[in-house]
Amino acid sequence: MVRLGRRDPELITPVIKALLKQRTRLRVKGRIEEANTLAEKINKLIKSNIAKRLTNISSSNSKEFWKLVKNTKTARRKS
């Protein structure tokens, strides 16, 4: 069970946050190989979340495009 805070970016989902906690635990225990494998999986999930957010960019004008890009880079969850 994880809780998302205001400072967590929008691309961090509860699943990703749980995996990040698991990765941290593995690294603390010294199981670096498993942690690195999990890190690759987390990176793929984050990339797919970013891709989903930016799918409609081709149909938007430049103002909407930069708004989406800026929100993707610096977005924070509002609680």
Protein backbone atom coordinates (compact mmCIF):
# COMPACT_ATOMS: atom_id res chain seq x y z
CA MET A 1 0.00 0.00 0.00
CA VAL A 2 1.42 3.36 -1.04
CA ARG A 3 0.27 6.94 -0.74
CA LEU A 4 0.86 9.51 -3.43
CA GLY A 5 1.73 12.95 -2.17
CA ARG A 6 1.53 16.43 -3.63
CA ARG A 7 5.19 16.33 -4.62
CA ASP A 8 4.91 13.12 -6.64
CA PRO A 9 4.90 13.75 -10.40
CA GLU A 10 1.77 12.74 -12.30
CA LEU A 11 3.62 10.04 -14.17
CA ILE A 12 4.25 8.19 -10.90
CA THR A 13 1.34 5.81 -10.42
CA PRO A 14 0.66 3.75 -7.30
CA VAL A 15 2.11 0.69 -9.06
CA ILE A 16 5.32 2.52 -9.97
CA LYS A 17 5.67 3.93 -6.46
CA ALA A 18 5.28 0.45 -4.96
CA LEU A 19 7.94 -0.87 -7.34
CA LEU A 20 10.26 1.98 -6.37
CA LYS A 21 9.88 1.06 -2.70
CA GLN A 22 10.60 -2.58 -3.54
CA ARG A 23 13.70 -1.57 -5.51
CA THR A 24 14.96 0.48 -2.58
CA ARG A 25 14.49 -2.47 -0.22
CA LEU A 26 16.41 -4.75 -2.57
CA ARG A 27 19.30 -2.31 -2.78
CA VAL A 28 19.46 -1.94 1.00
CA LYS A 29 19.65 -5.74 1.30
CA GLY A 30 22.49 -5.79 -1.23
CA ARG A 31 20.54 -7.56 -3.96
CA ILE A 32 21.76 -5.17 -6.66
CA GLU A 33 21.14 -7.42 -9.69
CA GLU A 34 17.45 -7.84 -8.83
CA ALA A 35 17.14 -4.12 -8.09
CA ASN A 36 18.64 -3.23 -11.47
CA THR A 37 16.22 -5.56 -13.26
CA LEU A 38 13.33 -3.95 -11.41
CA ALA A 39 14.69 -0.49 -12.28
CA GLU A 40 14.53 -1.35 -15.99
CA LYS A 41 10.90 -2.38 -15.61
CA ILE A 42 10.11 0.88 -13.75
CA ASN A 43 11.78 2.91 -16.51
CA LYS A 44 9.65 1.19 -19.16
CA LEU A 45 6.47 1.92 -17.19
CA ILE A 46 7.41 5.59 -16.77
CA LYS A 47 8.20 5.91 -20.49
CA SER A 48 4.86 4.38 -21.42
CA ASN A 49 3.05 6.81 -19.08
CA ILE A 50 4.79 9.75 -20.73
CA ALA A 51 3.95 8.40 -24.18
CA LYS A 52 0.28 8.06 -23.24
CA ARG A 53 0.17 11.67 -22.06
CA LEU A 54 1.71 12.94 -25.27
CA THR A 55 -0.30 10.88 -27.79
CA ASN A 56 -2.54 13.75 -28.88
CA ILE A 57 0.29 16.18 -29.53
CA SER A 58 0.18 15.88 -33.31
CA SER A 59 -3.33 17.32 -33.46
CA SER A 60 -2.61 20.29 -31.19
CA ASN A 61 -1.27 23.73 -31.97
CA SER A 62 2.09 24.97 -30.66
CA LYS A 63 0.62 26.60 -27.55
CA GLU A 64 -1.13 23.39 -26.52
CA PHE A 65 1.99 21.38 -27.38
CA TRP A 66 4.25 23.35 -25.03
CA LYS A 67 1.61 23.28 -22.31
CA LEU A 68 1.58 19.46 -22.49
CA VAL A 69 5.36 19.25 -22.53
CA LYS A 70 5.70 21.60 -19.57
CA ASN A 71 3.07 19.70 -17.59
CA THR A 72 4.78 16.40 -18.34
CA LYS A 73 8.12 17.66 -17.07
CA THR A 74 6.99 19.54 -13.97
CA ALA A 75 3.49 18.33 -13.13
CA ARG A 76 2.61 17.66 -9.53
CA ARG A 77 -0.44 15.91 -8.15
CA LYS A 78 -2.95 18.21 -6.53
CA SER A 79 -4.46 16.86 -3.36
